[in-house]
């Protein structure tokens, strides 16, 4: 049995948290992969995704409606914080639950597959 990640319908974290990362991840660096045109300077050694360093954050790469259906326009080139974030449907994550609550969504209950 396969399950679909709640991230495909949620997107709350992308509209709650600042996504900051080392500048070397951006395409302006020799081995970078995150599109530089979607980033902004945050600190001398850090960039952040445009839109996430605002009072009401929303990542510029987030497409869709939070809580209904969303996607990341740069999913295969997303920065390390996005790659490392574990949604609450895989394991309990209080940051996921906090973001979901901010957008009026219930906390996720991790799914345990039964053999």
PDB file of N, CA and C in Angstrom:
ATOM      1  N   UNK A   1       0.840  -1.179   0.000  1.00  0.00           N
ATOM      2  CA  UNK A   1       0.000   0.000   0.000  1.00  0.00           C
ATOM      3  C   UNK A   1       0.883   1.240   0.000  1.00  0.00           C
ATOM      4  N   UNK A   2       0.620   2.171  -0.901  1.00  0.00           N
ATOM      5  CA  UNK A   2       1.400   3.402  -0.921  1.00  0.00           C
ATOM      6  C   UNK A   2       0.520   4.550  -0.446  1.00  0.00           C
ATOM      7  N   UNK A   3       1.144   5.535   0.153  1.00  0.00           N
ATOM      8  CA  UNK A   3       0.421   6.698   0.623  1.00  0.00           C
ATOM      9  C   UNK A   3       0.979   7.929  -0.080  1.00  0.00           C
ATOM     10  N   UNK A   4       0.157   8.935  -0.217  1.00  0.00           N
ATOM     11  CA  UNK A   4       0.564  10.190  -0.824  1.00  0.00           C
ATOM     12  C   UNK A   4       0.936  11.140   0.297  1.00  0.00           C
ATOM     13  N   UNK A   5       2.060  11.804   0.155  1.00  0.00           N
ATOM     14  CA  UNK A   5       2.505  12.747   1.174  1.00  0.00           C
ATOM     15  C   UNK A   5       1.523  13.899   1.301  1.00  0.00           C
ATOM     16  N   UNK A   6       1.287  14.304   2.526  1.00  0.00           N
ATOM     17  CA  UNK A   6       0.414  15.450   2.782  1.00  0.00           C
ATOM     18  C   UNK A   6       1.002  16.722   2.186  1.00  0.00           C
ATOM     19  N   UNK A   7       2.296  16.728   1.912  1.00  0.00           N
ATOM     20  CA  UNK A   7       2.934  17.915   1.330  1.00  0.00           C
ATOM     21  C   UNK A   7       2.335  18.266  -0.033  1.00  0.00           C
ATOM     22  N   UNK A   8       1.745  17.298  -0.712  1.00  0.00           N
ATOM     23  CA  UNK A   8       1.155  17.564  -2.018  1.00  0.00           C
ATOM     24  C   UNK A   8      -0.161  18.313  -1.916  1.00  0.00           C
ATOM     25  N   UNK A   9      -0.740  18.345  -0.726  1.00  0.00           N
ATOM     26  CA  UNK A   9      -1.980  19.083  -0.538  1.00  0.00           C
ATOM     27  C   UNK A   9      -1.856  20.182   0.506  1.00  0.00           C
ATOM     28  N   UNK A  10      -0.804  20.181   1.290  1.00  0.00           N
ATOM     29  CA  UNK A  10      -0.686  21.106   2.407  1.00  0.00           C
ATOM     30  C   UNK A  10       0.004  22.416   2.021  1.00  0.00           C
ATOM     31  N   UNK A  11       1.326  22.429   2.004  1.00  0.00           N
ATOM     32  CA  UNK A  11       2.087  23.625   1.669  1.00  0.00           C
ATOM     33  C   UNK A  11       2.213  24.638   2.791  1.00  0.00           C
ATOM     34  N   UNK A  12       1.714  24.303   3.982  1.00  0.00           N
ATOM     35  CA  UNK A  12       1.726  25.267   5.081  1.00  0.00           C
ATOM     36  C   UNK A  12       3.137  25.687   5.490  1.00  0.00           C
ATOM     37  N   UNK A  13       4.076  24.764   5.487  1.00  0.00           N
ATOM     38  CA  UNK A  13       5.444  25.123   5.888  1.00  0.00           C
ATOM     39  C   UNK A  13       6.048  26.141   4.927  1.00  0.00           C
ATOM     40  N   UNK A  14       5.702  26.047   3.645  1.00  0.00           N
ATOM     41  CA  UNK A  14       6.224  26.958   2.619  1.00  0.00           C
ATOM     42  C   UNK A  14       5.642  28.362   2.763  1.00  0.00           C
ATOM     43  N   UNK A  15       4.601  28.486   3.557  1.00  0.00           N
ATOM     44  CA  UNK A  15       3.965  29.776   3.794  1.00  0.00           C
ATOM     45  C   UNK A  15       3.986  30.135   5.273  1.00  0.00           C
ATOM     46  N   UNK A  16       4.982  29.580   5.990  1.00  0.00           N
ATOM     47  CA  UNK A  16       5.113  29.874   7.413  1.00  0.00           C
ATOM     48  C   UNK A  16       6.549  30.214   7.803  1.00  0.00           C
ATOM     49  N   UNK A  17       7.504  29.485   7.252  1.00  0.00           N
ATOM     50  CA  UNK A  17       8.895  29.603   7.686  1.00  0.00           C
ATOM     51  C   UNK A  17       9.804  30.253   6.644  1.00  0.00           C
ATOM     52  N   UNK A  18      10.836  30.938   7.155  1.00  0.00           N
ATOM     53  CA  UNK A  18      11.887  31.453   6.264  1.00  0.00           C
ATOM     54  C   UNK A  18      12.729  30.268   5.806  1.00  0.00           C
ATOM     55  N   UNK A  19      13.032  30.227   4.540  1.00  0.00           N
ATOM     56  CA  UNK A  19      13.864  29.171   3.978  1.00  0.00           C
ATOM     57  C   UNK A  19      15.222  29.786   3.668  1.00  0.00           C
ATOM     58  N   UNK A  20      16.150  29.674   4.617  1.00  0.00           N
ATOM     59  CA  UNK A  20      17.488  30.224   4.420  1.00  0.00           C
ATOM     60  C   UNK A  20      18.487  29.089   4.279  1.00  0.00           C
ATOM     61  N   UNK A  21      19.525  29.336   3.482  1.00  0.00           N
ATOM     62  CA  UNK A  21      20.503  28.300   3.160  1.00  0.00           C
ATOM     63  C   UNK A  21      21.798  28.934   2.686  1.00  0.00           C
ATOM     64  N   UNK A  22      22.849  28.144   2.666  1.00  0.00           N
ATOM     65  CA  UNK A  22      24.181  28.578   2.257  1.00  0.00           C
ATOM     66  C   UNK A  22      24.159  29.038   0.796  1.00  0.00           C
ATOM     67  N   UNK A  23      24.791  30.154   0.514  1.00  0.00           N
ATOM     68  CA  UNK A  23      24.763  30.739  -0.826  1.00  0.00           C
ATOM     69  C   UNK A  23      25.288  29.796  -1.908  1.00  0.00           C
ATOM     70  N   UNK A  24      26.146  28.852  -1.543  1.00  0.00           N
ATOM     71  CA  UNK A  24      26.713  27.920  -2.514  1.00  0.00           C
ATOM     72  C   UNK A  24      25.701  26.960  -3.117  1.00  0.00           C
ATOM     73  N   UNK A  25      24.491  26.915  -2.572  1.00  0.00           N
ATOM     74  CA  UNK A  25      23.443  26.074  -3.151  1.00  0.00           C
ATOM     75  C   UNK A  25      22.778  26.732  -4.357  1.00  0.00           C
ATOM     76  N   UNK A  26      22.960  28.040  -4.526  1.00  0.00           N
ATOM     77  CA  UNK A  26      22.312  28.763  -5.619  1.00  0.00           C
ATOM     78  C   UNK A  26      23.115  28.662  -6.910  1.00  0.00           C
ATOM     79  N   UNK A  27      22.439  28.835  -8.019  1.00  0.00           N
ATOM     80  CA  UNK A  27      23.085  28.685  -9.333  1.00  0.00           C
ATOM     81  C   UNK A  27      24.177  29.712  -9.588  1.00  0.00           C
ATOM     82  N   UNK A  28      24.266  30.744  -8.787  1.00  0.00           N
ATOM     83  CA  UNK A  28      25.363  31.704  -8.903  1.00  0.00           C
ATOM     84  C   UNK A  28      26.694  31.123  -8.474  1.00  0.00           C
ATOM     85  N   UNK A  29      26.668  29.988  -7.802  1.00  0.00           N
ATOM     86  CA  UNK A  29      27.886  29.291  -7.366  1.00  0.00           C
ATOM     87  C   UNK A  29      28.173  28.157  -8.345  1.00  0.00           C
ATOM     88  N   UNK A  30      29.439  27.758  -8.469  1.00  0.00           N
ATOM     89  CA  UNK A  30      29.794  26.715  -9.447  1.00  0.00           C
ATOM     90  C   UNK A  30      28.980  25.420  -9.358  1.00  0.00           C
ATOM     91  N   UNK A  31      28.692  24.942  -8.181  1.00  0.00           N
ATOM     92  CA  UNK A  31      27.943  23.678  -8.051  1.00  0.00           C
ATOM     93  C   UNK A  31      26.507  23.917  -7.584  1.00  0.00           C
ATOM     94  N   UNK A  32      26.032  25.148  -7.692  1.00  0.00           N
ATOM     95  CA  UNK A  32      24.701  25.487  -7.201  1.00  0.00           C
ATOM     96  C   UNK A  32      23.579  24.919  -8.057  1.00  0.00           C
ATOM     97  N   UNK A  33      22.421  24.760  -7.436  1.00  0.00           N
ATOM     98  CA  UNK A  33      21.273  24.166  -8.125  1.00  0.00           C
ATOM     99  C   UNK A  33      19.971  24.926  -7.880  1.00  0.00           C
ATOM    100  N   UNK A  34      19.872  25.734  -6.831  1.00  0.00           N
ATOM    101  CA  UNK A  34      18.674  26.525  -6.557  1.00  0.00           C
ATOM    102  C   UNK A  34      18.714  27.760  -7.466  1.00  0.00           C
ATOM    103  N   UNK A  35      17.670  28.018  -8.251  1.00  0.00           N
ATOM    104  CA  UNK A  35      17.689  29.176  -9.155  1.00  0.00           C
ATOM    105  C   UNK A  35      17.940  30.493  -8.399  1.00  0.00           C
ATOM    106  N   UNK A  36      19.064  31.127  -8.682  1.00  0.00           N
ATOM    107  CA  UNK A  36      19.441  32.372  -7.996  1.00  0.00           C
ATOM    108  C   UNK A  36      18.382  33.458  -8.121  1.00  0.00           C
ATOM    109  N   UNK A  37      17.680  33.480  -9.249  1.00  0.00           N
ATOM    110  CA  UNK A  37      16.677  34.528  -9.466  1.00  0.00           C
ATOM    111  C   UNK A  37      15.481  34.397  -8.521  1.00  0.00           C
ATOM    112  N   UNK A  38      15.372  33.283  -7.818  1.00  0.00           N
ATOM    113  CA  UNK A  38      14.286  33.097  -6.852  1.00  0.00           C
ATOM    114  C   UNK A  38      14.745  33.280  -5.409  1.00  0.00           C
ATOM    115  N   UNK A  39      15.974  33.779  -5.239  1.00  0.00           N
ATOM    116  CA  UNK A  39      16.528  33.958  -3.899  1.00  0.00           C
ATOM    117  C   UNK A  39      16.784  35.434  -3.624  1.00  0.00           C
ATOM    118  N   UNK A  40      17.033  35.732  -2.353  1.00  0.00           N
ATOM    119  CA  UNK A  40      17.463  37.072  -1.952  1.00  0.00           C
ATOM    120  C   UNK A  40      18.493  36.930  -0.854  1.00  0.00           C
ATOM    121  N   UNK A  41      19.313  37.953  -0.688  1.00  0.00           N
ATOM    122  CA  UNK A  41      20.336  37.925   0.358  1.00  0.00           C
ATOM    123  C   UNK A  41      19.673  38.007   1.721  1.00  0.00           C
ATOM    124  N   UNK A  42      20.194  37.213   2.646  1.00  0.00           N
ATOM    125  CA  UNK A  42      19.683  37.222   4.014  1.00  0.00           C
ATOM    126  C   UNK A  42      20.778  37.593   4.996  1.00  0.00           C
ATOM    127  N   UNK A  43      21.972  37.130   4.744  1.00  0.00           N
ATOM    128  CA  UNK A  43      23.129  37.273   5.622  1.00  0.00           C
ATOM    129  C   UNK A  43      24.337  37.177   4.700  1.00  0.00           C
ATOM    130  N   UNK A  44      25.510  37.654   5.085  1.00  0.00           N
ATOM    131  CA  UNK A  44      26.648  37.579   4.164  1.00  0.00           C
ATOM    132  C   UNK A  44      26.912  36.180   3.566  1.00  0.00           C
ATOM    133  N   UNK A  45      26.567  35.135   4.278  1.00  0.00           N
ATOM    134  CA  UNK A  45      26.818  33.783   3.773  1.00  0.00           C
ATOM    135  C   UNK A  45      25.538  32.996   3.502  1.00  0.00           C
ATOM    136  N   UNK A  46      24.387  33.644   3.705  1.00  0.00           N
ATOM    137  CA  UNK A  46      23.117  32.945   3.534  1.00  0.00           C
ATOM    138  C   UNK A  46      22.198  33.673   2.561  1.00  0.00           C
ATOM    139  N   UNK A  47      21.468  32.895   1.822  1.00  0.00           N
ATOM    140  CA  UNK A  47      20.390  33.389   0.980  1.00  0.00           C
ATOM    141  C   UNK A  47      19.094  32.873   1.575  1.00  0.00           C
ATOM    142  N   UNK A  48      17.981  33.389   1.100  1.00  0.00           N
ATOM    143  CA  UNK A  48      16.689  32.803   1.449  1.00  0.00           C
ATOM    144  C   UNK A  48      15.822  32.836   0.202  1.00  0.00           C
ATOM    145  N   UNK A  49      14.839  31.979   0.187  1.00  0.00           N
ATOM    146  CA  UNK A  49      13.905  31.968  -0.927  1.00  0.00           C
ATOM    147  C   UNK A  49      13.081  33.251  -0.862  1.00  0.00           C
ATOM    148  N   UNK A  50      12.877  33.881  -2.002  1.00  0.00           N
ATOM    149  CA  UNK A  50      12.063  35.087  -2.055  1.00  0.00           C
ATOM    150  C   UNK A  50      10.686  34.800  -1.468  1.00  0.00           C
ATOM    151  N   UNK A  51      10.213  35.756  -0.711  1.00  0.00           N
ATOM    152  CA  UNK A  51       8.893  35.641  -0.113  1.00  0.00           C
ATOM    153  C   UNK A  51       8.884  35.031   1.271  1.00  0.00           C
ATOM    154  N   UNK A  52       9.980  34.359   1.664  1.00  0.00           N
ATOM    155  CA  UNK A  52       9.960  33.683   2.965  1.00  0.00           C
ATOM    156  C   UNK A  52      10.494  34.548   4.100  1.00  0.00           C
ATOM    157  N   UNK A  53      11.075  35.697   3.802  1.00  0.00           N
ATOM    158  CA  UNK A  53      11.597  36.576   4.840  1.00  0.00           C
ATOM    159  C   UNK A  53      10.664  37.780   5.021  1.00  0.00           C
ATOM    160  N   UNK A  54       9.379  37.512   5.018  1.00  0.00           N
ATOM    161  CA  UNK A  54       8.346  38.537   5.139  1.00  0.00           C
ATOM    162  C   UNK A  54       7.528  38.295   6.411  1.00  0.00           C
ATOM    163  N   UNK A  55       6.776  39.298   6.803  1.00  0.00           N
ATOM    164  CA  UNK A  55       5.898  39.133   7.970  1.00  0.00           C
ATOM    165  C   UNK A  55       4.873  38.029   7.725  1.00  0.00           C
ATOM    166  N   UNK A  56       4.380  37.939   6.496  1.00  0.00           N
ATOM    167  CA  UNK A  56       3.480  36.857   6.093  1.00  0.00           C
ATOM    168  C   UNK A  56       4.187  36.075   4.992  1.00  0.00           C
ATOM    169  N   UNK A  57       5.029  35.117   5.377  1.00  0.00           N
ATOM    170  CA  UNK A  57       5.844  34.427   4.374  1.00  0.00           C
ATOM    171  C   UNK A  57       5.040  33.554   3.418  1.00  0.00           C
ATOM    172  N   UNK A  58       5.536  33.455   2.215  1.00  0.00           N
ATOM    173  CA  UNK A  58       5.060  32.490   1.225  1.00  0.00           C
ATOM    174  C   UNK A  58       6.173  32.365   0.190  1.00  0.00           C
ATOM    175  N   UNK A  59       6.702  31.186   0.061  1.00  0.00           N
ATOM    176  CA  UNK A  59       7.800  30.947  -0.866  1.00  0.00           C
ATOM    177  C   UNK A  59       7.347  31.217  -2.299  1.00  0.00           C
ATOM    178  N   UNK A  60       8.191  31.900  -3.048  1.00  0.00           N
ATOM    179  CA  UNK A  60       7.901  32.221  -4.438  1.00  0.00           C
ATOM    180  C   UNK A  60       7.739  30.963  -5.297  1.00  0.00           C
ATOM    181  N   UNK A  61       8.325  29.853  -4.875  1.00  0.00           N
ATOM    182  CA  UNK A  61       8.240  28.606  -5.643  1.00  0.00           C
ATOM    183  C   UNK A  61       6.985  27.791  -5.331  1.00  0.00           C
ATOM    184  N   UNK A  62       6.227  28.194  -4.316  1.00  0.00           N
ATOM    185  CA  UNK A  62       5.004  27.466  -3.951  1.00  0.00           C
ATOM    186  C   UNK A  62       3.890  27.804  -4.920  1.00  0.00           C
ATOM    187  N   UNK A  63       3.304  26.778  -5.501  1.00  0.00           N
ATOM    188  CA  UNK A  63       2.181  26.946  -6.421  1.00  0.00           C
ATOM    189  C   UNK A  63       0.953  26.273  -5.833  1.00  0.00           C
ATOM    190  N   UNK A  64      -0.198  26.863  -6.022  1.00  0.00           N
ATOM    191  CA  UNK A  64      -1.434  26.245  -5.576  1.00  0.00           C
ATOM    192  C   UNK A  64      -2.020  26.898  -4.348  1.00  0.00           C
ATOM    193  N   UNK A  65      -3.025  26.221  -3.802  1.00  0.00           N
ATOM    194  CA  UNK A  65      -3.775  26.715  -2.657  1.00  0.00           C
ATOM    195  C   UNK A  65      -3.441  25.870  -1.434  1.00  0.00           C
ATOM    196  N   UNK A  66      -2.982  26.525  -0.380  1.00  0.00           N
ATOM    197  CA  UNK A  66      -2.608  25.837   0.857  1.00  0.00           C
ATOM    198  C   UNK A  66      -3.810  25.064   1.393  1.00  0.00           C
ATOM    199  N   UNK A  67      -3.552  23.813   1.756  1.00  0.00           N
ATOM    200  CA  UNK A  67      -4.586  22.964   2.312  1.00  0.00           C
ATOM    201  C   UNK A  67      -5.447  22.264   1.278  1.00  0.00           C
ATOM    202  N   UNK A  68      -5.242  22.575   0.008  1.00  0.00           N
ATOM    203  CA  UNK A  68      -6.035  21.948  -1.056  1.00  0.00           C
ATOM    204  C   UNK A  68      -5.128  21.154  -1.993  1.00  0.00           C
ATOM    205  N   UNK A  69      -4.330  21.848  -2.768  1.00  0.00           N
ATOM    206  CA  UNK A  69      -3.361  21.179  -3.645  1.00  0.00           C
ATOM    207  C   UNK A  69      -2.246  22.164  -3.935  1.00  0.00           C
ATOM    208  N   UNK A  70      -1.015  21.744  -3.652  1.00  0.00           N
ATOM    209  CA  UNK A  70       0.146  22.598  -3.857  1.00  0.00           C
ATOM    210  C   UNK A  70       1.270  21.815  -4.519  1.00  0.00           C
ATOM    211  N   UNK A  71       2.244  22.551  -4.975  1.00  0.00           N
ATOM    212  CA  UNK A  71       3.439  21.951  -5.546  1.00  0.00           C
ATOM    213  C   UNK A  71       4.564  22.963  -5.484  1.00  0.00           C
ATOM    214  N   UNK A  72       5.761  22.476  -5.646  1.00  0.00           N
ATOM    215  CA  UNK A  72       6.946  23.321  -5.663  1.00  0.00           C
ATOM    216  C   UNK A  72       7.435  23.408  -7.102  1.00  0.00           C
ATOM    217  N   UNK A  73       7.534  24.625  -7.620  1.00  0.00           N
ATOM    218  CA  UNK A  73       7.945  24.810  -9.011  1.00  0.00           C
ATOM    219  C   UNK A  73       9.410  24.468  -9.239  1.00  0.00           C
ATOM    220  N   UNK A  74      10.184  24.323  -8.167  1.00  0.00           N
ATOM    221  CA  UNK A  74      11.603  23.963  -8.300  1.00  0.00           C
ATOM    222  C   UNK A  74      11.928  22.720  -7.477  1.00  0.00           C
ATOM    223  N   UNK A  75      10.971  21.821  -7.345  1.00  0.00           N
ATOM    224  CA  UNK A  75      11.120  20.672  -6.451  1.00  0.00           C
ATOM    225  C   UNK A  75      12.459  19.948  -6.614  1.00  0.00           C
ATOM    226  N   UNK A  76      12.880  19.638  -7.814  1.00  0.00           N
ATOM    227  CA  UNK A  76      14.140  18.904  -7.996  1.00  0.00           C
ATOM    228  C   UNK A  76      15.351  19.781  -7.703  1.00  0.00           C
ATOM    229  N   UNK A  77      15.161  21.096  -7.612  1.00  0.00           N
ATOM    230  CA  UNK A  77      16.257  22.018  -7.314  1.00  0.00           C
ATOM    231  C   UNK A  77      16.015  22.803  -6.030  1.00  0.00           C
ATOM    232  N   UNK A  78      15.205  22.258  -5.143  1.00  0.00           N
ATOM    233  CA  UNK A  78      14.887  22.950  -3.896  1.00  0.00           C
ATOM    234  C   UNK A  78      16.106  22.961  -2.970  1.00  0.00           C
ATOM    235  N   UNK A  79      16.194  23.955  -2.072  1.00  0.00           N
ATOM    236  CA  UNK A  79      17.346  24.054  -1.161  1.00  0.00           C
ATOM    237  C   UNK A  79      17.304  23.008  -0.043  1.00  0.00           C
ATOM    238  N   UNK A  80      18.420  22.881   0.649  1.00  0.00           N
ATOM    239  CA  UNK A  80      18.581  21.856   1.685  1.00  0.00           C
ATOM    240  C   UNK A  80      17.530  21.909   2.796  1.00  0.00           C
ATOM    241  N   UNK A  81      17.105  23.087   3.300  1.00  0.00           N
ATOM    242  CA  UNK A  81      16.080  23.055   4.356  1.00  0.00           C
ATOM    243  C   UNK A  81      14.791  22.365   3.896  1.00  0.00           C
ATOM    244  N   UNK A  82      14.452  22.527   2.635  1.00  0.00           N
ATOM    245  CA  UNK A  82      13.242  21.892   2.100  1.00  0.00           C
ATOM    246  C   UNK A  82      13.453  20.389   1.937  1.00  0.00           C
ATOM    247  N   UNK A  83      14.648  19.996   1.542  1.00  0.00           N
ATOM    248  CA  UNK A  83      14.958  18.568   1.383  1.00  0.00           C
ATOM    249  C   UNK A  83      14.967  17.856   2.734  1.00  0.00           C
ATOM    250  N   UNK A  84      15.376  18.568   3.777  1.00  0.00           N
ATOM    251  CA  UNK A  84      15.537  17.959   5.101  1.00  0.00           C
ATOM    252  C   UNK A  84      14.267  17.997   5.950  1.00  0.00           C
ATOM    253  N   UNK A  85      13.294  18.797   5.568  1.00  0.00           N
ATOM    254  CA  UNK A  85      12.067  18.924   6.347  1.00  0.00           C
ATOM    255  C   UNK A  85      11.251  17.642   6.227  1.00  0.00           C
ATOM    256  N   UNK A  86      10.865  17.084   7.356  1.00  0.00           N
ATOM    257  CA  UNK A  86      10.081  15.851   7.375  1.00  0.00           C
ATOM    258  C   UNK A  86       8.638  16.214   7.690  1.00  0.00           C
ATOM    259  N   UNK A  87       7.764  15.902   6.766  1.00  0.00           N
ATOM    260  CA  UNK A  87       6.342  16.186   6.979  1.00  0.00           C
ATOM    261  C   UNK A  87       5.805  15.325   8.108  1.00  0.00           C
ATOM    262  N   UNK A  88       4.776  15.798   8.762  1.00  0.00           N
ATOM    263  CA  UNK A  88       4.185  15.091   9.888  1.00  0.00           C
ATOM    264  C   UNK A  88       3.470  13.810   9.541  1.00  0.00           C
ATOM    265  N   UNK A  89       3.331  13.501   8.248  1.00  0.00           N
ATOM    266  CA  UNK A  89       2.692  12.233   7.902  1.00  0.00           C
ATOM    267  C   UNK A  89       3.697  11.082   7.925  1.00  0.00           C
ATOM    268  N   UNK A  90       4.992  11.409   7.974  1.00  0.00           N
ATOM    269  CA  UNK A  90       6.037  10.383   8.024  1.00  0.00           C
ATOM    270  C   UNK A  90       6.465  10.103   9.464  1.00  0.00           C
ATOM    271  N   UNK A  91       6.577  11.147  10.250  1.00  0.00           N
ATOM    272  CA  UNK A  91       6.953  11.058  11.659  1.00  0.00           C
ATOM    273  C   UNK A  91       6.435  12.329  12.330  1.00  0.00           C
ATOM    274  N   UNK A  92       6.199  12.282  13.610  1.00  0.00           N
ATOM    275  CA  UNK A  92       5.701  13.469  14.311  1.00  0.00           C
ATOM    276  C   UNK A  92       6.666  14.633  14.093  1.00  0.00           C
ATOM    277  N   UNK A  93       6.141  15.779  13.724  1.00  0.00           N
ATOM    278  CA  UNK A  93       6.959  16.968  13.500  1.00  0.00           C
ATOM    279  C   UNK A  93       6.190  18.174  14.032  1.00  0.00           C
ATOM    280  N   UNK A  94       6.615  18.724  15.185  1.00  0.00           N
ATOM    281  CA  UNK A  94       5.895  19.857  15.760  1.00  0.00           C
ATOM    282  C   UNK A  94       5.940  21.107  14.878  1.00  0.00           C
ATOM    283  N   UNK A  95       6.978  21.259  14.048  1.00  0.00           N
ATOM    284  CA  UNK A  95       7.048  22.416  13.147  1.00  0.00           C
ATOM    285  C   UNK A  95       6.007  22.296  12.035  1.00  0.00           C
ATOM    286  N   UNK A  96       5.797  21.093  11.561  1.00  0.00           N
ATOM    287  CA  UNK A  96       4.752  20.833  10.567  1.00  0.00           C
ATOM    288  C   UNK A  96       3.395  21.149  11.184  1.00  0.00           C
ATOM    289  N   UNK A  97       3.141  20.631  12.371  1.00  0.00           N
ATOM    290  CA  UNK A  97       1.858  20.857  13.044  1.00  0.00           C
ATOM    291  C   UNK A  97       1.622  22.341  13.321  1.00  0.00           C
ATOM    292  N   UNK A  98       2.679  23.073  13.713  1.00  0.00           N
ATOM    293  CA  UNK A  98       2.553  24.513  13.989  1.00  0.00           C
ATOM    294  C   UNK A  98       2.188  25.265  12.707  1.00  0.00           C
ATOM    295  N   UNK A  99       2.841  24.923  11.597  1.00  0.00           N
ATOM    296  CA  UNK A  99       2.547  25.578  10.315  1.00  0.00           C
ATOM    297  C   UNK A  99       1.120  25.264   9.882  1.00  0.00           C
ATOM    298  N   UNK A 100       0.720  24.019  10.030  1.00  0.00           N
ATOM    299  CA  UNK A 100      -0.638  23.627   9.648  1.00  0.00           C
ATOM    300  C   UNK A 100      -1.671  24.381  10.492  1.00  0.00           C
ATOM    301  N   UNK A 101      -1.432  24.501  11.797  1.00  0.00           N
ATOM    302  CA  UNK A 101      -2.360  25.210  12.681  1.00  0.00           C
ATOM    303  C   UNK A 101      -2.496  26.678  12.264  1.00  0.00           C
ATOM    304  N   UNK A 102      -1.395  27.294  11.876  1.00  0.00           N
ATOM    305  CA  UNK A 102      -1.418  28.694  11.437  1.00  0.00           C
ATOM    306  C   UNK A 102      -2.357  28.883  10.249  1.00  0.00           C
ATOM    307  N   UNK A 103      -2.494  27.861   9.439  1.00  0.00           N
ATOM    308  CA  UNK A 103      -3.339  27.932   8.245  1.00  0.00           C
ATOM    309  C   UNK A 103      -4.680  27.212   8.423  1.00  0.00           C
ATOM    310  N   UNK A 104      -5.035  26.927   9.692  1.00  0.00           N
ATOM    311  CA  UNK A 104      -6.335  26.334   9.990  1.00  0.00           C
ATOM    312  C   UNK A 104      -6.455  24.863   9.646  1.00  0.00           C
ATOM    313  N   UNK A 105      -5.320  24.175   9.549  1.00  0.00           N
ATOM    314  CA  UNK A 105      -5.325  22.749   9.219  1.00  0.00           C
ATOM    315  C   UNK A 105      -5.034  21.924  10.466  1.00  0.00           C
ATOM    316  N   UNK A 106      -5.626  20.744  10.599  1.00  0.00           N
ATOM    317  CA  UNK A 106      -5.361  19.895  11.766  1.00  0.00           C
ATOM    318  C   UNK A 106      -3.958  19.290  11.716  1.00  0.00           C
ATOM    319  N   UNK A 107      -3.422  18.893  12.870  1.00  0.00           N
ATOM    320  CA  UNK A 107      -2.123  18.217  12.865  1.00  0.00           C
ATOM    321  C   UNK A 107      -2.211  16.891  12.113  1.00  0.00           C
ATOM    322  N   UNK A 108      -1.090  16.456  11.600  1.00  0.00           N
ATOM    323  CA  UNK A 108      -1.051  15.162  10.908  1.00  0.00           C
ATOM    324  C   UNK A 108      -0.783  14.051  11.890  1.00  0.00           C
ATOM    325  N   UNK A 109      -1.331  12.917  11.614  1.00  0.00           N
ATOM    326  CA  UNK A 109      -1.064  11.708  12.409  1.00  0.00           C
ATOM    327  C   UNK A 109      -0.195  10.820  11.536  1.00  0.00           C
ATOM    328  N   UNK A 110       1.025  10.519  11.994  1.00  0.00           N
ATOM    329  CA  UNK A 110       1.912   9.673  11.169  1.00  0.00           C
ATOM    330  C   UNK A 110       1.251   8.357  10.800  1.00  0.00           C
ATOM    331  N   UNK A 111       1.415   7.983   9.540  1.00  0.00           N
ATOM    332  CA  UNK A 111       0.841   6.738   9.022  1.00  0.00           C
ATOM    333  C   UNK A 111       1.845   5.620   9.212  1.00  0.00           C
ATOM    334  N   UNK A 112       1.382   4.527   9.789  1.00  0.00           N
ATOM    335  CA  UNK A 112       2.231   3.342   9.946  1.00  0.00           C
ATOM    336  C   UNK A 112       1.693   2.291   9.001  1.00  0.00           C
ATOM    337  N   UNK A 113       2.560   1.854   8.082  1.00  0.00           N
ATOM    338  CA  UNK A 113       2.128   0.821   7.139  1.00  0.00           C
ATOM    339  C   UNK A 113       2.117  -0.536   7.824  1.00  0.00           C
ATOM    340  N   UNK A 114       1.096  -1.295   7.539  1.00  0.00           N
ATOM    341  CA  UNK A 114       0.945  -2.630   8.109  1.00  0.00           C
ATOM    342  C   UNK A 114       1.258  -3.641   7.015  1.00  0.00           C
ATOM    343  N   UNK A 115       2.084  -4.607   7.362  1.00  0.00           N
ATOM    344  CA  UNK A 115       2.472  -5.626   6.371  1.00  0.00           C
ATOM    345  C   UNK A 115       1.383  -6.646   6.188  1.00  0.00           C
TER     346      UNK A 115
END
